Structure formats: structure tokens, C-alpha cells
């Protein structure tokens, strides 16, 4: 599992490695296999690659099934967005 310190780091990885990653809370999700299956169309998700999808996801009424997809097999979690205090702690413990 990858650890990211910022949304910019997620966006940079998307560009560098042609990944399809989005952020939901502290989860970094790989939506590559789901893009073509999204009922609202792939463009909705593509506009948010490398960014938080929380507001866009929560502003639309999604089914319980859709909510269960986040972090599951169809939209797997591949990393975490670490809180600043945890980042600082990891740096201190490593140094």
C-alpha cells in the first residue's frame, strides 16, 4: 500500500505513471477498471483524477451498493493520504 503526503502527490503519480487514482477521505483509490462501468459515465470521474471525490460523491445520492464499492474489489484502495501529524511522526521515527 502506498502512502501519500498530499493530493498533489497523487496527481503527480497519475501523470507520471498514467494511473487513474482518486481520493476519498484518507483512501487513495484506483478507478482504472471502474471508469467504463460508472453508470454516470467515465467523464465524471476523469475530471476528478488525482483529486478528492468526497464532495462529488456525497452530493449525489448513491446506492448502498455504490458506497460499498469504495475500497472494495471493483474500486480498490491502493494507498493512504496521511494526515500531517502522522507524516511528522513518521519522519521523526525514521530519522
PDB file of N, CA and C in Angstrom:
ATOM      1  N   UNK A   1       0.847  -1.167   0.000  1.00  0.00           N
ATOM      2  CA  UNK A   1       0.000   0.000   0.000  1.00  0.00           C
ATOM      3  C   UNK A   1       0.899   1.239   0.000  1.00  0.00           C
ATOM      4  N   UNK A   2       0.546   2.205  -0.821  1.00  0.00           N
ATOM      5  CA  UNK A   2       1.310   3.440  -0.944  1.00  0.00           C
ATOM      6  C   UNK A   2       0.830   4.480   0.057  1.00  0.00           C
ATOM      7  N   UNK A   3       1.751   5.279   0.555  1.00  0.00           N
ATOM      8  CA  UNK A   3       1.404   6.396   1.435  1.00  0.00           C
ATOM      9  C   UNK A   3       1.689   7.699   0.707  1.00  0.00           C
ATOM     10  N   UNK A   4       0.731   8.611   0.725  1.00  0.00           N
ATOM     11  CA  UNK A   4       0.857   9.895   0.061  1.00  0.00           C
ATOM     12  C   UNK A   4       0.781  10.996   1.095  1.00  0.00           C
ATOM     13  N   UNK A   5       1.561  12.056   0.891  1.00  0.00           N
ATOM     14  CA  UNK A   5       1.547  13.169   1.835  1.00  0.00           C
ATOM     15  C   UNK A   5       0.617  14.293   1.395  1.00  0.00           C
ATOM     16  N   UNK A   6       0.167  14.246   0.127  1.00  0.00           N
ATOM     17  CA  UNK A   6      -0.711  15.304  -0.359  1.00  0.00           C
ATOM     18  C   UNK A   6      -1.476  14.841  -1.593  1.00  0.00           C
ATOM     19  N   UNK A   7      -2.541  15.580  -1.884  1.00  0.00           N
ATOM     20  CA  UNK A   7      -3.295  15.301  -3.106  1.00  0.00           C
ATOM     21  C   UNK A   7      -2.419  15.559  -4.327  1.00  0.00           C
ATOM     22  N   UNK A   8      -1.525  16.528  -4.233  1.00  0.00           N
ATOM     23  CA  UNK A   8      -0.622  16.825  -5.351  1.00  0.00           C
ATOM     24  C   UNK A   8       0.256  15.618  -5.674  1.00  0.00           C
ATOM     25  N   UNK A   9       0.679  14.911  -4.654  1.00  0.00           N
ATOM     26  CA  UNK A   9       1.496  13.715  -4.862  1.00  0.00           C
ATOM     27  C   UNK A   9       0.705  12.635  -5.607  1.00  0.00           C
ATOM     28  N   UNK A  10      -0.577  12.509  -5.304  1.00  0.00           N
ATOM     29  CA  UNK A  10      -1.447  11.565  -6.012  1.00  0.00           C
ATOM     30  C   UNK A  10      -1.591  11.997  -7.469  1.00  0.00           C
ATOM     31  N   UNK A  11      -1.850  13.278  -7.691  1.00  0.00           N
ATOM     32  CA  UNK A  11      -1.992  13.801  -9.057  1.00  0.00           C
ATOM     33  C   UNK A  11      -0.707  13.609  -9.858  1.00  0.00           C
ATOM     34  N   UNK A  12       0.437  13.831  -9.225  1.00  0.00           N
ATOM     35  CA  UNK A  12       1.723  13.656  -9.907  1.00  0.00           C
ATOM     36  C   UNK A  12       1.931  12.202 -10.322  1.00  0.00           C
ATOM     37  N   UNK A  13       1.567  11.271  -9.463  1.00  0.00           N
ATOM     38  CA  UNK A  13       1.713   9.853  -9.801  1.00  0.00           C
ATOM     39  C   UNK A  13       0.788   9.486 -10.960  1.00  0.00           C
ATOM     40  N   UNK A  14      -0.406  10.044 -10.986  1.00  0.00           N
ATOM     41  CA  UNK A  14      -1.323   9.812 -12.103  1.00  0.00           C
ATOM     42  C   UNK A  14      -0.657  10.187 -13.421  1.00  0.00           C
ATOM     43  N   UNK A  15      -0.016  11.344 -13.447  1.00  0.00           N
ATOM     44  CA  UNK A  15       0.626  11.821 -14.675  1.00  0.00           C
ATOM     45  C   UNK A  15       1.884  11.029 -14.999  1.00  0.00           C
ATOM     46  N   UNK A  16       2.704  10.801 -13.992  1.00  0.00           N
ATOM     47  CA  UNK A  16       3.990  10.140 -14.190  1.00  0.00           C
ATOM     48  C   UNK A  16       3.822   8.700 -14.669  1.00  0.00           C
ATOM     49  N   UNK A  17       2.881   7.978 -14.091  1.00  0.00           N
ATOM     50  CA  UNK A  17       2.721   6.554 -14.392  1.00  0.00           C
ATOM     51  C   UNK A  17       1.411   6.236 -15.104  1.00  0.00           C
ATOM     52  N   UNK A  18       0.719   7.269 -15.586  1.00  0.00           N
ATOM     53  CA  UNK A  18      -0.567   7.092 -16.266  1.00  0.00           C
ATOM     54  C   UNK A  18      -1.524   6.251 -15.422  1.00  0.00           C
ATOM     55  N   UNK A  19      -1.642   6.627 -14.154  1.00  0.00           N
ATOM     56  CA  UNK A  19      -2.540   5.942 -13.234  1.00  0.00           C
ATOM     57  C   UNK A  19      -3.890   6.641 -13.234  1.00  0.00           C
ATOM     58  N   UNK A  20      -4.884   5.996 -12.663  1.00  0.00           N
ATOM     59  CA  UNK A  20      -6.239   6.540 -12.542  1.00  0.00           C
ATOM     60  C   UNK A  20      -6.620   6.499 -11.070  1.00  0.00           C
ATOM     61  N   UNK A  21      -6.062   7.415 -10.298  1.00  0.00           N
ATOM     62  CA  UNK A  21      -6.261   7.436  -8.853  1.00  0.00           C
ATOM     63  C   UNK A  21      -7.099   8.632  -8.445  1.00  0.00           C
ATOM     64  N   UNK A  22      -7.965   8.416  -7.448  1.00  0.00           N
ATOM     65  CA  UNK A  22      -8.751   9.475  -6.829  1.00  0.00           C
ATOM     66  C   UNK A  22      -8.630   9.327  -5.319  1.00  0.00           C
ATOM     67  N   UNK A  23      -9.094  10.328  -4.605  1.00  0.00           N
ATOM     68  CA  UNK A  23      -9.008  10.321  -3.140  1.00  0.00           C
ATOM     69  C   UNK A  23     -10.416  10.376  -2.568  1.00  0.00           C
ATOM     70  N   UNK A  24     -10.683   9.505  -1.605  1.00  0.00           N
ATOM     71  CA  UNK A  24     -11.944   9.545  -0.863  1.00  0.00           C
ATOM     72  C   UNK A  24     -11.589   9.482   0.612  1.00  0.00           C
ATOM     73  N   UNK A  25     -11.715  10.603   1.293  1.00  0.00           N
ATOM     74  CA  UNK A  25     -11.285  10.679   2.697  1.00  0.00           C
ATOM     75  C   UNK A  25      -9.779  10.515   2.751  1.00  0.00           C
ATOM     76  N   UNK A  26      -9.318   9.522   3.490  1.00  0.00           N
ATOM     77  CA  UNK A  26      -7.879   9.256   3.556  1.00  0.00           C
ATOM     78  C   UNK A  26      -7.482   8.081   2.661  1.00  0.00           C
ATOM     79  N   UNK A  27      -8.421   7.601   1.845  1.00  0.00           N
ATOM     80  CA  UNK A  27      -8.152   6.464   0.959  1.00  0.00           C
ATOM     81  C   UNK A  27      -7.782   6.949  -0.440  1.00  0.00           C
ATOM     82  N   UNK A  28      -6.755   6.338  -1.006  1.00  0.00           N
ATOM     83  CA  UNK A  28      -6.400   6.573  -2.399  1.00  0.00           C
ATOM     84  C   UNK A  28      -6.878   5.349  -3.168  1.00  0.00           C
ATOM     85  N   UNK A  29      -7.768   5.593  -4.131  1.00  0.00           N
ATOM     86  CA  UNK A  29      -8.456   4.511  -4.847  1.00  0.00           C
ATOM     87  C   UNK A  29      -8.039   4.461  -6.308  1.00  0.00           C
ATOM     88  N   UNK A  30      -7.919   3.248  -6.825  1.00  0.00           N
ATOM     89  CA  UNK A  30      -7.611   3.034  -8.240  1.00  0.00           C
ATOM     90  C   UNK A  30      -8.928   2.795  -8.973  1.00  0.00           C
ATOM     91  N   UNK A  31      -9.316   3.736  -9.823  1.00  0.00           N
ATOM     92  CA  UNK A  31     -10.598   3.639 -10.520  1.00  0.00           C
ATOM     93  C   UNK A  31     -10.447   3.194 -11.978  1.00  0.00           C
ATOM     94  N   UNK A  32      -9.258   2.765 -12.370  1.00  0.00           N
ATOM     95  CA  UNK A  32      -8.991   2.414 -13.770  1.00  0.00           C
ATOM     96  C   UNK A  32      -9.994   1.397 -14.318  1.00  0.00           C
ATOM     97  N   UNK A  33     -10.236   0.339 -13.599  1.00  0.00           N
ATOM     98  CA  UNK A  33     -11.132  -0.718 -14.084  1.00  0.00           C
ATOM     99  C   UNK A  33     -12.604  -0.343 -13.959  1.00  0.00           C
ATOM    100  N   UNK A  34     -12.903   0.701 -13.191  1.00  0.00           N
ATOM    101  CA  UNK A  34     -14.294   1.091 -12.958  1.00  0.00           C
ATOM    102  C   UNK A  34     -14.777   2.190 -13.905  1.00  0.00           C
ATOM    103  N   UNK A  35     -13.852   2.920 -14.513  1.00  0.00           N
ATOM    104  CA  UNK A  35     -14.234   4.072 -15.340  1.00  0.00           C
ATOM    105  C   UNK A  35     -15.309   3.730 -16.365  1.00  0.00           C
ATOM    106  N   UNK A  36     -15.129   2.664 -17.104  1.00  0.00           N
ATOM    107  CA  UNK A  36     -16.080   2.279 -18.141  1.00  0.00           C
ATOM    108  C   UNK A  36     -17.378   1.706 -17.609  1.00  0.00           C
ATOM    109  N   UNK A  37     -17.419   1.408 -16.318  1.00  0.00           N
ATOM    110  CA  UNK A  37     -18.606   0.804 -15.701  1.00  0.00           C
ATOM    111  C   UNK A  37     -19.441   1.811 -14.909  1.00  0.00           C
ATOM    112  N   UNK A  38     -18.925   3.022 -14.736  1.00  0.00           N
ATOM    113  CA  UNK A  38     -19.639   4.021 -13.934  1.00  0.00           C
ATOM    114  C   UNK A  38     -20.957   4.377 -14.621  1.00  0.00           C
ATOM    115  N   UNK A  39     -22.072   4.230 -13.919  1.00  0.00           N
ATOM    116  CA  UNK A  39     -23.380   4.492 -14.525  1.00  0.00           C
ATOM    117  C   UNK A  39     -23.550   5.907 -15.072  1.00  0.00           C
ATOM    118  N   UNK A  40     -22.859   6.866 -14.498  1.00  0.00           N
ATOM    119  CA  UNK A  40     -22.962   8.251 -14.955  1.00  0.00           C
ATOM    120  C   UNK A  40     -21.972   8.604 -16.050  1.00  0.00           C
ATOM    121  N   UNK A  41     -21.171   7.630 -16.454  1.00  0.00           N
ATOM    122  CA  UNK A  41     -20.174   7.862 -17.493  1.00  0.00           C
ATOM    123  C   UNK A  41     -18.795   8.115 -16.926  1.00  0.00           C
ATOM    124  N   UNK A  42     -17.795   7.782 -17.688  1.00  0.00           N
ATOM    125  CA  UNK A  42     -16.407   7.878 -17.239  1.00  0.00           C
ATOM    126  C   UNK A  42     -15.929   9.316 -17.070  1.00  0.00           C
ATOM    127  N   UNK A  43     -16.498  10.255 -17.827  1.00  0.00           N
ATOM    128  CA  UNK A  43     -16.023  11.641 -17.786  1.00  0.00           C
ATOM    129  C   UNK A  43     -16.211  12.285 -16.414  1.00  0.00           C
ATOM    130  N   UNK A  44     -17.248  11.874 -15.703  1.00  0.00           N
ATOM    131  CA  UNK A  44     -17.491  12.412 -14.358  1.00  0.00           C
ATOM    132  C   UNK A  44     -16.302  12.121 -13.451  1.00  0.00           C
ATOM    133  N   UNK A  45     -15.795  10.900 -13.524  1.00  0.00           N
ATOM    134  CA  UNK A  45     -14.652  10.511 -12.687  1.00  0.00           C
ATOM    135  C   UNK A  45     -13.355  11.072 -13.257  1.00  0.00           C
ATOM    136  N   UNK A  46     -13.206  11.051 -14.564  1.00  0.00           N
ATOM    137  CA  UNK A  46     -11.961  11.521 -15.181  1.00  0.00           C
ATOM    138  C   UNK A  46     -11.658  12.971 -14.825  1.00  0.00           C
ATOM    139  N   UNK A  47     -12.688  13.800 -14.649  1.00  0.00           N
ATOM    140  CA  UNK A  47     -12.481  15.197 -14.264  1.00  0.00           C
ATOM    141  C   UNK A  47     -11.871  15.315 -12.873  1.00  0.00           C
ATOM    142  N   UNK A  48     -12.008  14.268 -12.065  1.00  0.00           N
ATOM    143  CA  UNK A  48     -11.557  14.326 -10.672  1.00  0.00           C
ATOM    144  C   UNK A  48     -10.312  13.481 -10.402  1.00  0.00           C
ATOM    145  N   UNK A  49      -9.674  12.953 -11.433  1.00  0.00           N
ATOM    146  CA  UNK A  49      -8.479  12.140 -11.213  1.00  0.00           C
ATOM    147  C   UNK A  49      -7.420  12.942 -10.470  1.00  0.00           C
ATOM    148  N   UNK A  50      -6.852  12.322  -9.443  1.00  0.00           N
ATOM    149  CA  UNK A  50      -5.834  12.973  -8.632  1.00  0.00           C
ATOM    150  C   UNK A  50      -6.394  13.896  -7.566  1.00  0.00           C
ATOM    151  N   UNK A  51      -7.711  13.974  -7.471  1.00  0.00           N
ATOM    152  CA  UNK A  51      -8.353  14.881  -6.513  1.00  0.00           C
ATOM    153  C   UNK A  51      -9.282  14.115  -5.575  1.00  0.00           C
ATOM    154  N   UNK A  52      -9.798  14.845  -4.597  1.00  0.00           N
ATOM    155  CA  UNK A  52     -10.789  14.275  -3.689  1.00  0.00           C
ATOM    156  C   UNK A  52     -12.136  14.163  -4.402  1.00  0.00           C
ATOM    157  N   UNK A  53     -12.778  13.019  -4.247  1.00  0.00           N
ATOM    158  CA  UNK A  53     -14.107  12.817  -4.827  1.00  0.00           C
ATOM    159  C   UNK A  53     -15.197  12.904  -3.764  1.00  0.00           C
ATOM    160  N   UNK A  54     -14.840  13.236  -2.541  1.00  0.00           N
ATOM    161  CA  UNK A  54     -15.794  13.234  -1.425  1.00  0.00           C
ATOM    162  C   UNK A  54     -17.012  14.097  -1.730  1.00  0.00           C
ATOM    163  N   UNK A  55     -16.797  15.350  -2.080  1.00  0.00           N
ATOM    164  CA  UNK A  55     -17.932  16.256  -2.310  1.00  0.00           C
ATOM    165  C   UNK A  55     -18.770  15.770  -3.492  1.00  0.00           C
ATOM    166  N   UNK A  56     -18.117  15.426  -4.594  1.00  0.00           N
ATOM    167  CA  UNK A  56     -18.845  14.970  -5.782  1.00  0.00           C
ATOM    168  C   UNK A  56     -19.622  13.692  -5.492  1.00  0.00           C
ATOM    169  N   UNK A  57     -19.036  12.785  -4.741  1.00  0.00           N
ATOM    170  CA  UNK A  57     -19.698  11.514  -4.420  1.00  0.00           C
ATOM    171  C   UNK A  57     -20.847  11.735  -3.442  1.00  0.00           C
ATOM    172  N   UNK A  58     -20.578  12.520  -2.410  1.00  0.00           N
ATOM    173  CA  UNK A  58     -21.582  12.720  -1.367  1.00  0.00           C
ATOM    174  C   UNK A  58     -22.728  13.639  -1.796  1.00  0.00           C
ATOM    175  N   UNK A  59     -22.479  14.514  -2.778  1.00  0.00           N
ATOM    176  CA  UNK A  59     -23.528  15.420  -3.256  1.00  0.00           C
ATOM    177  C   UNK A  59     -24.572  14.707  -4.112  1.00  0.00           C
ATOM    178  N   UNK A  60     -24.239  13.537  -4.612  1.00  0.00           N
ATOM    179  CA  UNK A  60     -25.162  12.759  -5.445  1.00  0.00           C
ATOM    180  C   UNK A  60     -25.645  11.577  -4.616  1.00  0.00           C
ATOM    181  N   UNK A  61     -26.911  11.279  -4.706  1.00  0.00           N
ATOM    182  CA  UNK A  61     -27.429  10.146  -3.951  1.00  0.00           C
ATOM    183  C   UNK A  61     -26.945   8.849  -4.600  1.00  0.00           C
ATOM    184  N   UNK A  62     -26.102   8.125  -3.875  1.00  0.00           N
ATOM    185  CA  UNK A  62     -25.589   6.849  -4.353  1.00  0.00           C
ATOM    186  C   UNK A  62     -26.254   5.709  -3.583  1.00  0.00           C
ATOM    187  N   UNK A  63     -26.395   4.595  -4.241  1.00  0.00           N
ATOM    188  CA  UNK A  63     -26.977   3.411  -3.600  1.00  0.00           C
ATOM    189  C   UNK A  63     -26.007   2.844  -2.569  1.00  0.00           C
ATOM    190  N   UNK A  64     -26.520   1.968  -1.712  1.00  0.00           N
ATOM    191  CA  UNK A  64     -25.654   1.289  -0.748  1.00  0.00           C
ATOM    192  C   UNK A  64     -24.602   0.462  -1.465  1.00  0.00           C
ATOM    193  N   UNK A  65     -24.964  -0.106  -2.597  1.00  0.00           N
ATOM    194  CA  UNK A  65     -24.017  -0.901  -3.387  1.00  0.00           C
ATOM    195  C   UNK A  65     -22.864  -0.007  -3.856  1.00  0.00           C
ATOM    196  N   UNK A  66     -23.183   1.172  -4.348  1.00  0.00           N
ATOM    197  CA  UNK A  66     -22.147   2.109  -4.800  1.00  0.00           C
ATOM    198  C   UNK A  66     -21.220   2.476  -3.650  1.00  0.00           C
ATOM    199  N   UNK A  67     -21.782   2.713  -2.482  1.00  0.00           N
ATOM    200  CA  UNK A  67     -20.976   3.068  -1.308  1.00  0.00           C
ATOM    201  C   UNK A  67     -20.044   1.930  -0.903  1.00  0.00           C
ATOM    202  N   UNK A  68     -20.497   0.696  -1.109  1.00  0.00           N
ATOM    203  CA  UNK A  68     -19.677  -0.460  -0.752  1.00  0.00           C
ATOM    204  C   UNK A  68     -18.545  -0.704  -1.742  1.00  0.00           C
ATOM    205  N   UNK A  69     -18.636  -0.123  -2.927  1.00  0.00           N
ATOM    206  CA  UNK A  69     -17.582  -0.293  -3.926  1.00  0.00           C
ATOM    207  C   UNK A  69     -16.282   0.388  -3.515  1.00  0.00           C
ATOM    208  N   UNK A  70     -16.406   1.472  -2.762  1.00  0.00           N
ATOM    209  CA  UNK A  70     -15.214   2.234  -2.378  1.00  0.00           C
ATOM    210  C   UNK A  70     -14.315   1.384  -1.488  1.00  0.00           C
ATOM    211  N   UNK A  71     -13.120   1.132  -1.976  1.00  0.00           N
ATOM    212  CA  UNK A  71     -12.158   0.318  -1.242  1.00  0.00           C
ATOM    213  C   UNK A  71     -12.361  -1.171  -1.426  1.00  0.00           C
ATOM    214  N   UNK A  72     -13.369  -1.566  -2.194  1.00  0.00           N
ATOM    215  CA  UNK A  72     -13.622  -2.984  -2.464  1.00  0.00           C
ATOM    216  C   UNK A  72     -12.887  -3.449  -3.704  1.00  0.00           C
ATOM    217  N   UNK A  73     -13.270  -4.616  -4.191  1.00  0.00           N
ATOM    218  CA  UNK A  73     -12.581  -5.229  -5.324  1.00  0.00           C
ATOM    219  C   UNK A  73     -12.723  -4.414  -6.615  1.00  0.00           C
ATOM    220  N   UNK A  74     -13.866  -3.761  -6.819  1.00  0.00           N
ATOM    221  CA  UNK A  74     -14.082  -3.029  -8.072  1.00  0.00           C
ATOM    222  C   UNK A  74     -13.437  -1.650  -8.067  1.00  0.00           C
ATOM    223  N   UNK A  75     -13.259  -1.063  -6.906  1.00  0.00           N
ATOM    224  CA  UNK A  75     -12.572   0.230  -6.762  1.00  0.00           C
ATOM    225  C   UNK A  75     -11.591   0.070  -5.595  1.00  0.00           C
ATOM    226  N   UNK A  76     -10.479  -0.637  -5.837  1.00  0.00           N
ATOM    227  CA  UNK A  76      -9.574  -0.981  -4.740  1.00  0.00           C
ATOM    228  C   UNK A  76      -8.805   0.207  -4.164  1.00  0.00           C
ATOM    229  N   UNK A  77      -8.573   0.113  -2.862  1.00  0.00           N
ATOM    230  CA  UNK A  77      -7.732   1.095  -2.188  1.00  0.00           C
ATOM    231  C   UNK A  77      -6.284   0.688  -2.427  1.00  0.00           C
ATOM    232  N   UNK A  78      -5.487   1.612  -2.959  1.00  0.00           N
ATOM    233  CA  UNK A  78      -4.082   1.317  -3.236  1.00  0.00           C
ATOM    234  C   UNK A  78      -3.140   2.132  -2.365  1.00  0.00           C
ATOM    235  N   UNK A  79      -3.711   3.035  -1.570  1.00  0.00           N
ATOM    236  CA  UNK A  79      -2.866   3.856  -0.726  1.00  0.00           C
ATOM    237  C   UNK A  79      -3.659   4.653   0.282  1.00  0.00           C
ATOM    238  N   UNK A  80      -2.912   5.439   1.063  1.00  0.00           N
ATOM    239  CA  UNK A  80      -3.499   6.285   2.097  1.00  0.00           C
ATOM    240  C   UNK A  80      -2.937   7.691   1.973  1.00  0.00           C
ATOM    241  N   UNK A  81      -3.782   8.659   2.232  1.00  0.00           N
ATOM    242  CA  UNK A  81      -3.359  10.047   2.321  1.00  0.00           C
ATOM    243  C   UNK A  81      -3.120  10.309   3.798  1.00  0.00           C
ATOM    244  N   UNK A  82      -1.873  10.488   4.163  1.00  0.00           N
ATOM    245  CA  UNK A  82      -1.518  10.606   5.570  1.00  0.00           C
ATOM    246  C   UNK A  82      -1.764  12.007   6.101  1.00  0.00           C
ATOM    247  N   UNK A  83      -2.315  12.068   7.288  1.00  0.00           N
ATOM    248  CA  UNK A  83      -2.521  13.347   7.968  1.00  0.00           C
ATOM    249  C   UNK A  83      -1.165  13.953   8.309  1.00  0.00           C
ATOM    250  N   UNK A  84      -1.116  15.273   8.360  1.00  0.00           N
ATOM    251  CA  UNK A  84       0.143  15.984   8.608  1.00  0.00           C
ATOM    252  C   UNK A  84       0.812  15.526   9.904  1.00  0.00           C
ATOM    253  N   UNK A  85       0.056  15.342  10.963  1.00  0.00           N
ATOM    254  CA  UNK A  85       0.671  14.927  12.231  1.00  0.00           C
ATOM    255  C   UNK A  85       1.279  13.534  12.121  1.00  0.00           C
ATOM    256  N   UNK A  86       0.670  12.647  11.340  1.00  0.00           N
ATOM    257  CA  UNK A  86       1.232  11.314  11.148  1.00  0.00           C
ATOM    258  C   UNK A  86       2.476  11.383  10.276  1.00  0.00           C
ATOM    259  N   UNK A  87       2.478  12.260   9.271  1.00  0.00           N
ATOM    260  CA  UNK A  87       3.666  12.446   8.439  1.00  0.00           C
ATOM    261  C   UNK A  87       4.841  12.886   9.300  1.00  0.00           C
ATOM    262  N   UNK A  88       4.607  13.873  10.169  1.00  0.00           N
ATOM    263  CA  UNK A  88       5.658  14.375  11.047  1.00  0.00           C
ATOM    264  C   UNK A  88       6.175  13.273  11.963  1.00  0.00           C
ATOM    265  N   UNK A  89       5.281  12.452  12.480  1.00  0.00           N
ATOM    266  CA  UNK A  89       5.676  11.367  13.375  1.00  0.00           C
ATOM    267  C   UNK A  89       6.533  10.348  12.637  1.00  0.00           C
ATOM    268  N   UNK A  90       6.160  10.018  11.412  1.00  0.00           N
ATOM    269  CA  UNK A  90       6.942   9.060  10.631  1.00  0.00           C
ATOM    270  C   UNK A  90       8.328   9.596  10.330  1.00  0.00           C
ATOM    271  N   UNK A  91       8.456  10.869  10.040  1.00  0.00           N
ATOM    272  CA  UNK A  91       9.742  11.469   9.758  1.00  0.00           C
ATOM    273  C   UNK A  91      10.615  11.425  11.004  1.00  0.00           C
ATOM    274  N   UNK A  92      10.047  11.753  12.134  1.00  0.00           N
ATOM    275  CA  UNK A  92      10.810  11.748  13.398  1.00  0.00           C
ATOM    276  C   UNK A  92      11.280  10.338  13.725  1.00  0.00           C
ATOM    277  N   UNK A  93      10.398   9.356  13.589  1.00  0.00           N
ATOM    278  CA  UNK A  93      10.771   7.990  13.929  1.00  0.00           C
ATOM    279  C   UNK A  93      11.796   7.401  12.962  1.00  0.00           C
ATOM    280  N   UNK A  94      11.776   7.833  11.719  1.00  0.00           N
ATOM    281  CA  UNK A  94      12.723   7.319  10.732  1.00  0.00           C
ATOM    282  C   UNK A  94      14.087   7.977  10.926  1.00  0.00           C
ATOM    283  N   UNK A  95      14.079   9.273  11.220  1.00  0.00           N
ATOM    284  CA  UNK A  95      15.343   9.990  11.422  1.00  0.00           C
ATOM    285  C   UNK A  95      16.002   9.466  12.661  1.00  0.00           C
TER     286      UNK A  95
END
